[in-house]
N, C-alpha and C. Protein backbone atom coordinates (compact mmCIF):
# COMPACT_ATOMS: atom_id res chain seq x y z
N MET A 1 0.54 -0.93 0.12
CA MET A 1 0.20 0.02 -0.18
C MET A 1 1.00 1.45 -0.21
N LYS A 2 0.78 2.56 -0.74
CA LYS A 2 1.13 3.47 -0.74
C LYS A 2 0.86 4.80 0.59
N PRO A 3 2.03 5.18 0.57
CA PRO A 3 2.07 6.23 1.82
C PRO A 3 1.03 6.91 1.31
N ILE A 4 -0.20 7.63 2.64
CA ILE A 4 -0.76 8.20 2.34
C ILE A 4 0.08 9.09 2.49
N LYS A 5 -0.30 10.93 1.53
CA LYS A 5 0.46 12.08 2.32
C LYS A 5 0.07 12.99 2.18
N ILE A 6 0.58 14.01 3.10
CA ILE A 6 -0.14 14.68 3.79
C ILE A 6 0.98 16.53 3.90
N GLU A 7 0.89 17.00 2.83
CA GLU A 7 1.71 18.04 2.92
C GLU A 7 0.92 19.00 3.83
N ILE A 8 1.69 19.82 4.99
CA ILE A 8 0.91 20.60 6.34
C ILE A 8 2.19 22.06 5.14
N CYS A 9 0.96 23.31 4.88
CA CYS A 9 1.51 24.38 4.64
C CYS A 9 1.92 25.61 5.44
N LEU A 10 3.47 25.73 4.61
CA LEU A 10 3.51 27.03 6.08
C LEU A 10 3.91 28.42 5.15
N GLY A 11 3.03 28.54 3.90
CA GLY A 11 2.48 30.31 3.60
C GLY A 11 2.64 30.71 4.32
N THR A 12 2.98 32.22 4.41
CA THR A 12 2.22 33.08 5.73
C THR A 12 1.68 33.40 6.10
N THR A 13 0.47 32.98 5.58
CA THR A 13 -0.80 33.06 5.58
C THR A 13 -1.78 31.98 6.87
N CYS A 14 -0.62 30.93 6.36
CA CYS A 14 -1.58 29.59 6.74
C CYS A 14 -0.54 29.71 8.48
N PHE A 15 1.35 30.48 7.96
CA PHE A 15 1.39 29.98 8.70
C PHE A 15 1.04 30.78 10.54
N VAL A 16 0.36 32.19 9.81
CA VAL A 16 0.03 33.11 11.04
C VAL A 16 -0.88 32.53 11.57
N MET A 17 -1.89 31.61 10.55
CA MET A 17 -3.68 31.36 10.78
C MET A 17 -2.76 29.79 10.92
N GLY A 18 -2.29 29.84 12.35
CA GLY A 18 -2.04 28.40 12.43
C GLY A 18 -1.35 27.16 11.65
N GLY A 19 -0.19 28.12 11.21
CA GLY A 19 0.27 26.24 10.22
C GLY A 19 1.03 25.97 11.49
N GLU A 20 2.12 26.76 11.76
CA GLU A 20 2.72 26.09 12.85
C GLU A 20 2.00 25.10 14.28
N THR A 21 1.27 25.23 14.55
CA THR A 21 1.15 23.92 14.79
C THR A 21 0.08 22.55 13.87
N LEU A 22 0.02 22.77 13.33
CA LEU A 22 -0.27 21.64 12.26
C LEU A 22 1.07 21.00 11.57
N GLN A 23 2.24 21.36 11.01
CA GLN A 23 4.06 21.55 11.59
C GLN A 23 3.59 20.07 12.94
N ASN A 24 3.29 20.59 13.76
CA ASN A 24 4.06 20.24 15.09
C ASN A 24 2.90 18.38 14.93
N MET A 25 1.75 18.71 14.82
CA MET A 25 1.00 17.29 14.81
C MET A 25 1.50 17.08 13.56
N GLY A 26 2.24 17.25 12.79
CA GLY A 26 3.00 15.87 11.92
C GLY A 26 4.33 15.00 12.88
N ASP A 27 3.97 14.92 13.90
CA ASP A 27 4.72 14.02 14.83
C ASP A 27 3.62 13.70 15.26
N MET A 28 2.65 13.74 15.41
CA MET A 28 1.62 12.62 15.73
C MET A 28 1.07 11.57 15.68
N LEU A 29 0.66 11.98 14.25
CA LEU A 29 0.36 11.43 12.92
C LEU A 29 1.81 10.92 12.90
N LYS A 30 3.22 10.69 12.54
CA LYS A 30 3.18 9.41 12.66
C LYS A 30 3.71 8.99 14.10
N LYS A 31 3.51 8.65 14.45
CA LYS A 31 3.03 7.71 15.63
C LYS A 31 1.38 7.10 15.60
N LYS A 32 1.09 7.60 15.49
CA LYS A 32 0.02 6.95 15.05
C LYS A 32 -0.36 5.88 14.00
N TYR A 33 0.08 6.32 12.77
CA TYR A 33 -0.49 5.70 11.56
C TYR A 33 1.69 5.31 11.58
N GLY A 34 2.37 6.05 12.01
CA GLY A 34 3.84 4.92 11.06
C GLY A 34 3.56 5.39 9.79
N ALA A 35 4.46 3.94 8.76
CA ALA A 35 4.76 4.05 7.86
C ALA A 35 2.98 3.50 6.68
N LYS A 36 1.70 4.25 7.05
CA LYS A 36 0.77 3.86 5.87
C LYS A 36 0.82 5.86 5.50
N ILE A 37 2.06 7.05 6.58
CA ILE A 37 1.10 8.30 5.95
C ILE A 37 2.47 8.49 5.62
N GLU A 38 3.03 9.84 5.08
CA GLU A 38 4.30 10.13 4.63
C GLU A 38 3.80 11.88 4.80
N VAL A 39 4.59 12.64 5.51
CA VAL A 39 4.11 13.79 6.42
C VAL A 39 5.31 15.32 5.59
N GLU A 40 4.82 15.79 5.50
CA GLU A 40 5.83 17.03 5.05
C GLU A 40 5.31 18.19 5.23
N ALA A 41 6.36 19.05 4.80
CA ALA A 41 5.92 20.30 5.36
C ALA A 41 6.33 21.09 4.05
N VAL A 42 6.15 21.97 3.04
CA VAL A 42 5.80 22.95 2.44
C VAL A 42 5.65 24.51 2.63
N ARG A 43 6.79 24.74 1.88
CA ARG A 43 6.46 26.22 0.89
C ARG A 43 5.68 26.98 1.18
N CYS A 44 4.42 26.20 0.30
CA CYS A 44 3.04 26.64 -0.15
C CYS A 44 2.65 25.50 -0.84
N LEU A 45 1.27 26.17 -0.68
CA LEU A 45 0.08 24.46 -1.34
C LEU A 45 -0.24 25.55 -2.63
N GLU A 46 -0.50 27.06 -2.44
CA GLU A 46 -0.54 28.02 -3.27
C GLU A 46 -1.93 27.59 -3.21
N VAL A 47 -2.87 27.66 -3.11
CA VAL A 47 -4.31 28.15 -3.02
C VAL A 47 -5.28 29.03 -2.18
N CYS A 48 -4.43 29.61 -1.72
CA CYS A 48 -4.64 31.16 -1.25
C CYS A 48 -5.51 32.25 -2.16
N SER A 49 -4.06 31.92 -3.43
CA SER A 49 -4.98 32.50 -5.27
C SER A 49 -6.52 32.84 -5.08
N SER A 50 -6.42 30.92 -4.93
CA SER A 50 -7.79 30.82 -5.44
C SER A 50 -9.07 30.60 -4.65
N ASP A 51 -8.56 30.37 -2.80
CA ASP A 51 -10.10 31.03 -2.49
C ASP A 51 -9.68 31.72 -1.08
N ASN A 52 -10.21 31.94 -0.60
CA ASN A 52 -10.81 32.72 0.24
C ASN A 52 -9.54 32.57 2.08
N PHE A 53 -8.65 33.92 2.28
CA PHE A 53 -8.17 33.77 2.73
C PHE A 53 -8.33 33.13 4.47
N SER A 54 -9.65 33.25 5.08
CA SER A 54 -10.40 33.02 5.90
C SER A 54 -9.95 31.56 6.63
N LYS A 55 -9.82 30.78 5.27
CA LYS A 55 -9.15 29.16 5.28
C LYS A 55 -8.18 29.09 6.24
N ALA A 56 -7.72 29.47 5.68
CA ALA A 56 -6.81 29.22 5.97
C ALA A 56 -6.40 28.56 7.24
N PRO A 57 -5.40 27.95 8.41
CA PRO A 57 -4.18 27.21 7.86
C PRO A 57 -4.59 25.38 6.61
N TYR A 58 -3.94 26.27 5.66
CA TYR A 58 -4.18 24.26 4.60
C TYR A 58 -2.98 23.14 5.01
N ALA A 59 -3.97 22.55 4.90
CA ALA A 59 -3.36 21.01 4.52
C ALA A 59 -3.70 19.94 3.05
N ARG A 60 -3.13 19.73 2.73
CA ARG A 60 -3.73 18.27 1.07
C ARG A 60 -3.27 17.16 1.66
N VAL A 61 -4.70 15.87 1.42
CA VAL A 61 -4.67 14.65 2.50
C VAL A 61 -4.36 13.99 0.58
N ASP A 62 -3.51 13.14 0.00
CA ASP A 62 -3.35 12.20 -1.21
C ASP A 62 -4.02 12.98 -2.00
N GLY A 63 -4.00 15.17 -2.21
CA GLY A 63 -4.05 15.81 -2.84
C GLY A 63 -5.56 16.96 -2.99
N GLU A 64 -6.53 16.08 -1.89
CA GLU A 64 -7.32 17.23 -0.98
C GLU A 64 -6.98 17.73 -0.23
N VAL A 65 -7.78 19.60 -0.05
CA VAL A 65 -7.05 20.43 -0.24
C VAL A 65 -8.58 20.70 1.39
N ILE A 66 -7.40 20.48 2.99
CA ILE A 66 -7.87 20.84 3.24
C ILE A 66 -8.29 22.49 4.20
N GLY A 67 -9.22 23.30 4.36
CA GLY A 67 -9.20 24.42 4.55
C GLY A 67 -9.74 24.44 6.32
N GLU A 68 -8.63 25.68 6.29
CA GLU A 68 -8.98 25.67 8.40
C GLU A 68 -8.61 24.39 8.54
N ALA A 69 -7.62 24.47 8.70
CA ALA A 69 -7.30 22.60 8.76
C ALA A 69 -6.96 22.44 10.23
N SER A 70 -7.26 20.99 10.81
CA SER A 70 -7.29 21.08 12.50
C SER A 70 -6.40 19.57 12.47
N LEU A 71 -5.66 18.62 13.46
CA LEU A 71 -6.33 17.46 14.34
C LEU A 71 -6.82 16.80 13.20
N GLU A 72 -8.01 17.12 14.19
CA GLU A 72 -9.07 16.94 13.46
C GLU A 72 -9.54 15.78 12.74
N LYS A 73 -9.10 17.49 11.65
CA LYS A 73 -9.95 17.61 9.72
C LYS A 73 -8.55 17.15 9.52
N VAL A 74 -7.74 16.45 9.79
CA VAL A 74 -6.12 16.17 8.80
C VAL A 74 -6.64 14.61 8.37
N GLN A 75 -7.17 14.13 10.66
CA GLN A 75 -7.09 12.41 10.49
C GLN A 75 -8.66 11.56 10.31
N ALA A 76 -9.68 12.62 9.97
CA ALA A 76 -10.83 12.31 9.89
C ALA A 76 -10.56 11.83 8.42
N VAL A 77 -9.77 12.12 7.57
CA VAL A 77 -8.91 12.44 5.63
C VAL A 77 -8.42 11.32 5.89
N ILE A 78 -7.86 10.54 6.42
CA ILE A 78 -6.59 10.24 6.82
C ILE A 78 -7.93 8.26 6.97
N GLU A 79 -9.01 8.76 8.13
CA GLU A 79 -9.66 7.17 8.90
C GLU A 79 -9.94 7.35 7.43
N LYS A 80 -10.17 7.60 6.52
CA LYS A 80 -11.15 7.07 5.57
C LYS A 80 -11.08 7.14 4.48
N LYS A 81 -9.95 7.38 3.96
CA LYS A 81 -8.91 7.31 3.00
C LYS A 81 -8.54 5.53 3.78
N LEU A 82 -8.05 4.78 4.78
CA LEU A 82 -7.98 4.19 5.12
C LEU A 82 -8.67 2.58 5.05
N ASN A 83 -10.17 3.21 5.78
CA ASN A 83 -10.93 2.49 5.54
C ASN A 83 -11.70 2.55 3.43
N HIS A 84 -11.30 2.69 3.36
CA HIS A 84 -11.35 2.70 1.73
C HIS A 84 -11.09 1.56 0.75
N GLU A 85 -9.17 1.65 1.47
CA GLU A 85 -8.57 0.99 0.78
C GLU A 85 -8.70 -0.58 1.22
């Protein structure tokens, strides 16, 4: 099984709106899911220009963009993907 790719945006807007907290959650996710996931902090997901800034911070899970991303939202998407495979 290919690992689920999680990208956490650390662009300026996302960082200010909580991206730093999301970056720290990467370790928590790795402990819970192990080799089933791959977590990467990225410079920018480039979704602010096409969406409303109030939805930052952003994360992307296997291509699915999550606005107002939180640990709970990211875990819900991971669980959904794991249960469908």
